[in-house]
């Protein structure tokens, strides 16, 4: 590998690491913002954080597309990543477009979904080689998706749904739905109903992986006896 290619790969790895840190910062930021207040709009500090993180995500995706090997293997993912990282909510604000508060808050969650894509960097490392790493990748993906779903549900339903008293209730609701058990909290908003449908679907897709992993583990133990 030439020195120029090594340099490009080193820069890409640094940007990947920065994106991972940025996604964690964004998740922590919106968790604090959503659970600490129920304002109609996100605060200025969070909007600044989100804009910065979107810039980091966009730069990382574009740079990866400039590297032939990355472009050949992950061009679709990185293209989607770049397009999704554009701060549409800020562009609409700067253009003077009129948006409802619910639309603004829903758009503000888009970068959080992008942060799941950013964790693909660590997931690729986790699934490399060992099944234990594959299991860790599975647990991380399900946990992140469920937690973010709880945040979205809490943000949309709190103050409207009489059965939702705290973020703990939203987190419990999300985990009960992803396990397909169900909860005694029923969504009343459109977004809440959509999330309520998606969570069991994700659960039905992922939990068979856990079953297969455990079965395979014990089968190998039996064969080893």
C-alpha atoms as a PDB file:
ATOM      1  CA  UNK A   1       0.000   0.000   0.000  1.00  0.00           C
ATOM      2  CA  UNK A   2       1.394   3.388  -1.008  1.00  0.00           C
ATOM      3  CA  UNK A   3       2.073   6.141   1.501  1.00  0.00           C
ATOM      4  CA  UNK A   4      -0.766   8.266   0.072  1.00  0.00           C
ATOM      5  CA  UNK A   5      -3.260   5.427   0.543  1.00  0.00           C
ATOM      6  CA  UNK A   6      -2.041   4.839   4.088  1.00  0.00           C
ATOM      7  CA  UNK A   7      -2.543   8.521   4.813  1.00  0.00           C
ATOM      8  CA  UNK A   8      -6.092   8.426   3.436  1.00  0.00           C
ATOM      9  CA  UNK A   9      -6.929   5.347   5.507  1.00  0.00           C
ATOM     10  CA  UNK A  10      -5.438   6.915   8.643  1.00  0.00           C
ATOM     11  CA  UNK A  11      -7.507  10.075   8.135  1.00  0.00           C
ATOM     12  CA  UNK A  12     -10.636   7.954   7.502  1.00  0.00           C
ATOM     13  CA  UNK A  13     -10.043   5.996  10.716  1.00  0.00           C
ATOM     14  CA  UNK A  14      -9.602   9.231  12.673  1.00  0.00           C
ATOM     15  CA  UNK A  15     -12.838  10.627  11.206  1.00  0.00           C
ATOM     16  CA  UNK A  16     -14.621   7.344  11.994  1.00  0.00           C
ATOM     17  CA  UNK A  17     -13.486   7.602  15.618  1.00  0.00           C
ATOM     18  CA  UNK A  18     -14.555  11.245  15.816  1.00  0.00           C
ATOM     19  CA  UNK A  19     -17.972  10.326  14.349  1.00  0.00           C
ATOM     20  CA  UNK A  20     -18.396   7.612  16.960  1.00  0.00           C
ATOM     21  CA  UNK A  21     -17.608  10.073  19.777  1.00  0.00           C
ATOM     22  CA  UNK A  22     -19.924  12.643  18.161  1.00  0.00           C
ATOM     23  CA  UNK A  23     -22.789  10.130  17.975  1.00  0.00           C
ATOM     24  CA  UNK A  24     -22.390   9.359  21.677  1.00  0.00           C
ATOM     25  CA  UNK A  25     -22.320  13.085  22.498  1.00  0.00           C
ATOM     26  CA  UNK A  26     -25.467  13.622  20.429  1.00  0.00           C
ATOM     27  CA  UNK A  27     -27.278  10.759  22.154  1.00  0.00           C
ATOM     28  CA  UNK A  28     -26.321  12.085  25.594  1.00  0.00           C
ATOM     29  CA  UNK A  29     -27.310  15.610  24.557  1.00  0.00           C
ATOM     30  CA  UNK A  30     -30.777  14.743  23.297  1.00  0.00           C
ATOM     31  CA  UNK A  31     -31.354  12.452  26.283  1.00  0.00           C
ATOM     32  CA  UNK A  32     -30.741  15.391  28.616  1.00  0.00           C
ATOM     33  CA  UNK A  33     -32.755  17.771  26.430  1.00  0.00           C
ATOM     34  CA  UNK A  34     -35.820  15.529  26.154  1.00  0.00           C
ATOM     35  CA  UNK A  35     -35.939  14.258  29.740  1.00  0.00           C
ATOM     36  CA  UNK A  36     -35.124  17.565  31.478  1.00  0.00           C
ATOM     37  CA  UNK A  37     -37.800  19.712  29.846  1.00  0.00           C
ATOM     38  CA  UNK A  38     -40.858  19.597  27.643  1.00  0.00           C
ATOM     39  CA  UNK A  39     -40.299  22.799  25.660  1.00  0.00           C
ATOM     40  CA  UNK A  40     -41.899  23.161  22.245  1.00  0.00           C
ATOM     41  CA  UNK A  41     -38.451  23.711  20.684  1.00  0.00           C
ATOM     42  CA  UNK A  42     -34.997  22.358  21.420  1.00  0.00           C
ATOM     43  CA  UNK A  43     -32.615  24.746  23.174  1.00  0.00           C
ATOM     44  CA  UNK A  44     -29.873  26.682  21.380  1.00  0.00           C
ATOM     45  CA  UNK A  45     -27.028  24.637  22.901  1.00  0.00           C
ATOM     46  CA  UNK A  46     -28.533  21.396  21.635  1.00  0.00           C
ATOM     47  CA  UNK A  47     -29.219  22.826  18.185  1.00  0.00           C
ATOM     48  CA  UNK A  48     -25.581  23.944  18.014  1.00  0.00           C
ATOM     49  CA  UNK A  49     -24.421  20.484  19.092  1.00  0.00           C
ATOM     50  CA  UNK A  50     -26.644  18.837  16.498  1.00  0.00           C
ATOM     51  CA  UNK A  51     -25.391  21.122  13.724  1.00  0.00           C
ATOM     52  CA  UNK A  52     -21.776  20.366  14.673  1.00  0.00           C
ATOM     53  CA  UNK A  53     -22.373  16.618  14.760  1.00  0.00           C
ATOM     54  CA  UNK A  54     -24.158  16.714  11.389  1.00  0.00           C
ATOM     55  CA  UNK A  55     -21.099  18.495   9.978  1.00  0.00           C
ATOM     56  CA  UNK A  56     -18.816  15.773  11.353  1.00  0.00           C
ATOM     57  CA  UNK A  57     -21.030  12.984   9.963  1.00  0.00           C
ATOM     58  CA  UNK A  58     -21.228  14.654   6.537  1.00  0.00           C
ATOM     59  CA  UNK A  59     -17.453  15.233   6.349  1.00  0.00           C
ATOM     60  CA  UNK A  60     -16.755  11.609   7.321  1.00  0.00           C
ATOM     61  CA  UNK A  61     -19.167  10.196   4.739  1.00  0.00           C
ATOM     62  CA  UNK A  62     -17.846  12.394   1.909  1.00  0.00           C
ATOM     63  CA  UNK A  63     -14.228  11.592   2.752  1.00  0.00           C
ATOM     64  CA  UNK A  64     -14.956   7.849   2.770  1.00  0.00           C
ATOM     65  CA  UNK A  65     -16.507   8.194  -0.692  1.00  0.00           C
ATOM     66  CA  UNK A  66     -13.224   9.653  -1.943  1.00  0.00           C
ATOM     67  CA  UNK A  67     -11.369   6.424  -1.096  1.00  0.00           C
ATOM     68  CA  UNK A  68     -11.823   3.857  -3.925  1.00  0.00           C
ATOM     69  CA  UNK A  69     -11.901   0.788  -1.639  1.00  0.00           C
ATOM     70  CA  UNK A  70     -14.491   2.310   0.692  1.00  0.00           C
ATOM     71  CA  UNK A  71     -16.511   3.609  -2.251  1.00  0.00           C
ATOM     72  CA  UNK A  72     -16.673   0.169  -3.897  1.00  0.00           C
ATOM     73  CA  UNK A  73     -17.743  -1.633  -0.705  1.00  0.00           C
ATOM     74  CA  UNK A  74     -19.919   0.937   1.080  1.00  0.00           C
ATOM     75  CA  UNK A  75     -20.929   3.541  -1.506  1.00  0.00           C
ATOM     76  CA  UNK A  76     -24.656   3.148  -0.850  1.00  0.00           C
ATOM     77  CA  UNK A  77     -24.314   3.341   2.936  1.00  0.00           C
ATOM     78  CA  UNK A  78     -21.981   6.335   2.792  1.00  0.00           C
ATOM     79  CA  UNK A  79     -24.178   8.128   0.241  1.00  0.00           C
ATOM     80  CA  UNK A  80     -27.242   7.672   2.471  1.00  0.00           C
ATOM     81  CA  UNK A  81     -25.120   8.710   5.445  1.00  0.00           C
ATOM     82  CA  UNK A  82     -24.026  11.920   3.671  1.00  0.00           C
ATOM     83  CA  UNK A  83     -27.543  12.819   2.505  1.00  0.00           C
ATOM     84  CA  UNK A  84     -29.054  12.128   5.914  1.00  0.00           C
ATOM     85  CA  UNK A  85     -26.358  14.213   7.627  1.00  0.00           C
ATOM     86  CA  UNK A  86     -27.428  17.423   5.897  1.00  0.00           C
ATOM     87  CA  UNK A  87     -28.944  19.692   8.599  1.00  0.00           C
ATOM     88  CA  UNK A  88     -32.302  20.094   6.885  1.00  0.00           C
ATOM     89  CA  UNK A  89     -33.947  21.616   9.934  1.00  0.00           C
ATOM     90  CA  UNK A  90     -31.376  24.447  10.032  1.00  0.00           C
ATOM     91  CA  UNK A  91     -31.620  24.981   6.275  1.00  0.00           C
ATOM     92  CA  UNK A  92     -35.396  25.296   6.568  1.00  0.00           C
ATOM     93  CA  UNK A  93     -34.987  27.731   9.454  1.00  0.00           C
ATOM     94  CA  UNK A  94     -32.519  29.884   7.525  1.00  0.00           C
ATOM     95  CA  UNK A  95     -34.823  29.904   4.475  1.00  0.00           C
ATOM     96  CA  UNK A  96     -37.641  31.265   6.619  1.00  0.00           C
ATOM     97  CA  UNK A  97     -39.899  28.244   6.047  1.00  0.00           C
ATOM     98  CA  UNK A  98     -42.807  27.862   8.446  1.00  0.00           C
ATOM     99  CA  UNK A  99     -42.702  24.592  10.387  1.00  0.00           C
ATOM    100  CA  UNK A 100     -44.960  23.287  13.108  1.00  0.00           C
ATOM    101  CA  UNK A 101     -43.398  22.466  16.477  1.00  0.00           C
ATOM    102  CA  UNK A 102     -44.111  18.762  16.011  1.00  0.00           C
ATOM    103  CA  UNK A 103     -42.379  18.793  12.608  1.00  0.00           C
ATOM    104  CA  UNK A 104     -39.345  20.559  14.062  1.00  0.00           C
ATOM    105  CA  UNK A 105     -39.006  18.070  16.899  1.00  0.00           C
ATOM    106  CA  UNK A 106     -39.461  15.103  14.568  1.00  0.00           C
ATOM    107  CA  UNK A 107     -36.797  16.417  12.167  1.00  0.00           C
ATOM    108  CA  UNK A 108     -34.501  16.986  15.126  1.00  0.00           C
ATOM    109  CA  UNK A 109     -34.509  13.252  15.809  1.00  0.00           C
ATOM    110  CA  UNK A 110     -33.181  12.428  12.329  1.00  0.00           C
ATOM    111  CA  UNK A 111     -29.512  12.866  13.329  1.00  0.00           C
ATOM    112  CA  UNK A 112     -30.109  10.478  16.231  1.00  0.00           C
ATOM    113  CA  UNK A 113     -31.054   7.775  13.742  1.00  0.00           C
ATOM    114  CA  UNK A 114     -27.895   8.668  11.813  1.00  0.00           C
ATOM    115  CA  UNK A 115     -25.900   8.069  14.978  1.00  0.00           C
ATOM    116  CA  UNK A 116     -26.963   4.414  14.770  1.00  0.00           C
ATOM    117  CA  UNK A 117     -25.347   4.328  11.343  1.00  0.00           C
ATOM    118  CA  UNK A 118     -22.242   5.918  12.831  1.00  0.00           C
ATOM    119  CA  UNK A 119     -21.932   3.009  15.251  1.00  0.00           C
ATOM    120  CA  UNK A 120     -21.481   0.759  12.207  1.00  0.00           C
ATOM    121  CA  UNK A 121     -17.786   1.541  12.621  1.00  0.00           C
ATOM    122  CA  UNK A 122     -17.653  -0.270  15.954  1.00  0.00           C
ATOM    123  CA  UNK A 123     -20.120  -2.920  14.788  1.00  0.00           C
ATOM    124  CA  UNK A 124     -17.819  -3.839  11.907  1.00  0.00           C
ATOM    125  CA  UNK A 125     -15.056  -4.419  14.431  1.00  0.00           C
ATOM    126  CA  UNK A 126     -17.331  -6.394  16.738  1.00  0.00           C
ATOM    127  CA  UNK A 127     -18.523  -8.846  14.090  1.00  0.00           C
ATOM    128  CA  UNK A 128     -15.018  -9.463  12.754  1.00  0.00           C
ATOM    129  CA  UNK A 129     -14.150 -13.051  13.436  1.00  0.00           C
ATOM    130  CA  UNK A 130     -15.742 -14.222  16.666  1.00  0.00           C
ATOM    131  CA  UNK A 131     -19.346 -15.066  17.425  1.00  0.00           C
ATOM    132  CA  UNK A 132     -19.025 -13.434  20.834  1.00  0.00           C
ATOM    133  CA  UNK A 133     -18.415 -10.167  19.015  1.00  0.00           C
ATOM    134  CA  UNK A 134     -21.423 -10.796  16.807  1.00  0.00           C
ATOM    135  CA  UNK A 135     -23.518 -11.213  19.938  1.00  0.00           C
ATOM    136  CA  UNK A 136     -22.135  -7.967  21.354  1.00  0.00           C
ATOM    137  CA  UNK A 137     -23.008  -6.190  18.104  1.00  0.00           C
ATOM    138  CA  UNK A 138     -26.528  -7.588  18.286  1.00  0.00           C
ATOM    139  CA  UNK A 139     -27.046  -6.456  21.890  1.00  0.00           C
ATOM    140  CA  UNK A 140     -25.651  -2.983  21.140  1.00  0.00           C
ATOM    141  CA  UNK A 141     -27.948  -2.525  18.126  1.00  0.00           C
ATOM    142  CA  UNK A 142     -31.115  -3.638  19.934  1.00  0.00           C
ATOM    143  CA  UNK A 143     -30.289  -1.572  23.037  1.00  0.00           C
ATOM    144  CA  UNK A 144     -29.601   1.613  21.060  1.00  0.00           C
ATOM    145  CA  UNK A 145     -32.716   1.255  18.913  1.00  0.00           C
ATOM    146  CA  UNK A 146     -34.932   0.558  21.924  1.00  0.00           C
ATOM    147  CA  UNK A 147     -33.501   3.476  23.908  1.00  0.00           C
ATOM    148  CA  UNK A 148     -33.944   5.918  21.011  1.00  0.00           C
ATOM    149  CA  UNK A 149     -37.500   4.661  20.484  1.00  0.00           C
ATOM    150  CA  UNK A 150     -38.200   5.363  24.166  1.00  0.00           C
ATOM    151  CA  UNK A 151     -36.872   8.905  23.726  1.00  0.00           C
ATOM    152  CA  UNK A 152     -39.053   9.538  20.660  1.00  0.00           C
ATOM    153  CA  UNK A 153     -42.111   8.067  22.401  1.00  0.00           C
ATOM    154  CA  UNK A 154     -41.528  10.140  25.545  1.00  0.00           C
ATOM    155  CA  UNK A 155     -40.970  13.339  23.556  1.00  0.00           C
ATOM    156  CA  UNK A 156     -44.165  12.874  21.535  1.00  0.00           C
ATOM    157  CA  UNK A 157     -46.468  11.439  24.200  1.00  0.00           C
ATOM    158  CA  UNK A 158     -45.472  13.175  27.451  1.00  0.00           C
ATOM    159  CA  UNK A 159     -48.141  15.635  28.522  1.00  0.00           C
ATOM    160  CA  UNK A 160     -50.632  14.109  26.064  1.00  0.00           C
ATOM    161  CA  UNK A 161     -50.778  10.482  27.170  1.00  0.00           C
ATOM    162  CA  UNK A 162     -52.263  10.243  30.668  1.00  0.00           C
ATOM    163  CA  UNK A 163     -50.628   6.834  31.238  1.00  0.00           C
ATOM    164  CA  UNK A 164     -47.106   8.192  30.677  1.00  0.00           C
ATOM    165  CA  UNK A 165     -45.724   9.718  33.884  1.00  0.00           C
ATOM    166  CA  UNK A 166     -41.934   9.644  33.389  1.00  0.00           C
ATOM    167  CA  UNK A 167     -39.137   8.625  31.045  1.00  0.00           C
ATOM    168  CA  UNK A 168     -38.877   5.402  33.040  1.00  0.00           C
ATOM    169  CA  UNK A 169     -42.392   4.541  31.859  1.00  0.00           C
ATOM    170  CA  UNK A 170     -41.354   5.217  28.244  1.00  0.00           C
ATOM    171  CA  UNK A 171     -38.253   3.038  28.619  1.00  0.00           C
ATOM    172  CA  UNK A 172     -40.307   0.216  30.134  1.00  0.00           C
ATOM    173  CA  UNK A 173     -42.874   0.604  27.327  1.00  0.00           C
ATOM    174  CA  UNK A 174     -40.149   0.370  24.662  1.00  0.00           C
ATOM    175  CA  UNK A 175     -38.555  -2.763  26.136  1.00  0.00           C
ATOM    176  CA  UNK A 176     -41.906  -4.503  26.592  1.00  0.00           C
ATOM    177  CA  UNK A 177     -42.791  -3.789  22.969  1.00  0.00           C
ATOM    178  CA  UNK A 178     -39.452  -4.823  21.491  1.00  0.00           C
ATOM    179  CA  UNK A 179     -39.793  -8.146  23.331  1.00  0.00           C
ATOM    180  CA  UNK A 180     -43.330  -8.374  21.822  1.00  0.00           C
ATOM    181  CA  UNK A 181     -44.829  -8.739  25.321  1.00  0.00           C
ATOM    182  CA  UNK A 182     -46.631  -5.399  25.138  1.00  0.00           C
ATOM    183  CA  UNK A 183     -47.332  -2.785  27.793  1.00  0.00           C
ATOM    184  CA  UNK A 184     -50.371  -1.193  29.421  1.00  0.00           C
ATOM    185  CA  UNK A 185     -49.413   2.164  27.889  1.00  0.00           C
ATOM    186  CA  UNK A 186     -51.048   2.829  24.547  1.00  0.00           C
ATOM    187  CA  UNK A 187     -49.844   5.554  22.148  1.00  0.00           C
ATOM    188  CA  UNK A 188     -52.166   8.408  21.277  1.00  0.00           C
ATOM    189  CA  UNK A 189     -50.020  10.360  18.785  1.00  0.00           C
ATOM    190  CA  UNK A 190     -49.300   9.349  15.189  1.00  0.00           C
ATOM    191  CA  UNK A 191     -45.556   9.082  15.786  1.00  0.00           C
ATOM    192  CA  UNK A 192     -46.126   7.033  18.931  1.00  0.00           C
ATOM    193  CA  UNK A 193     -48.350   4.603  17.030  1.00  0.00           C
ATOM    194  CA  UNK A 194     -45.736   4.210  14.275  1.00  0.00           C
ATOM    195  CA  UNK A 195     -42.999   3.473  16.826  1.00  0.00           C
ATOM    196  CA  UNK A 196     -45.351   1.033  18.576  1.00  0.00           C
ATOM    197  CA  UNK A 197     -45.646  -0.950  15.318  1.00  0.00           C
ATOM    198  CA  UNK A 198     -41.938  -0.821  14.430  1.00  0.00           C
ATOM    199  CA  UNK A 199     -40.617  -2.012  17.816  1.00  0.00           C
ATOM    200  CA  UNK A 200     -42.226  -5.502  17.800  1.00  0.00           C
ATOM    201  CA  UNK A 201     -41.173  -5.948  14.168  1.00  0.00           C
ATOM    202  CA  UNK A 202     -37.557  -5.207  15.117  1.00  0.00           C
ATOM    203  CA  UNK A 203     -37.888  -7.549  18.086  1.00  0.00           C
ATOM    204  CA  UNK A 204     -39.191 -10.392  15.914  1.00  0.00           C
ATOM    205  CA  UNK A 205     -36.269  -9.842  13.534  1.00  0.00           C
ATOM    206  CA  UNK A 206     -33.548  -9.789  16.201  1.00  0.00           C
ATOM    207  CA  UNK A 207     -34.573 -12.198  18.952  1.00  0.00           C
ATOM    208  CA  UNK A 208     -34.312 -15.318  16.760  1.00  0.00           C
ATOM    209  CA  UNK A 209     -30.620 -14.392  16.382  1.00  0.00           C
ATOM    210  CA  UNK A 210     -30.259 -14.644  20.157  1.00  0.00           C
ATOM    211  CA  UNK A 211     -32.036 -18.024  20.182  1.00  0.00           C
ATOM    212  CA  UNK A 212     -29.790 -19.404  17.435  1.00  0.00           C
ATOM    213  CA  UNK A 213     -26.680 -18.121  19.215  1.00  0.00           C
ATOM    214  CA  UNK A 214     -27.617 -19.769  22.537  1.00  0.00           C
ATOM    215  CA  UNK A 215     -28.633 -23.038  20.844  1.00  0.00           C
ATOM    216  CA  UNK A 216     -25.387 -23.146  18.876  1.00  0.00           C
ATOM    217  CA  UNK A 217     -23.373 -22.430  22.027  1.00  0.00           C
ATOM    218  CA  UNK A 218     -24.903 -25.327  23.974  1.00  0.00           C
ATOM    219  CA  UNK A 219     -24.736 -27.661  20.976  1.00  0.00           C
ATOM    220  CA  UNK A 220     -20.996 -27.065  20.786  1.00  0.00           C
ATOM    221  CA  UNK A 221     -20.650 -27.694  24.521  1.00  0.00           C
ATOM    222  CA  UNK A 222     -22.489 -30.979  24.111  1.00  0.00           C
ATOM    223  CA  UNK A 223     -20.260 -31.992  21.188  1.00  0.00           C
ATOM    224  CA  UNK A 224     -17.205 -31.162  23.251  1.00  0.00           C
ATOM    225  CA  UNK A 225     -18.169 -33.570  26.014  1.00  0.00           C
END
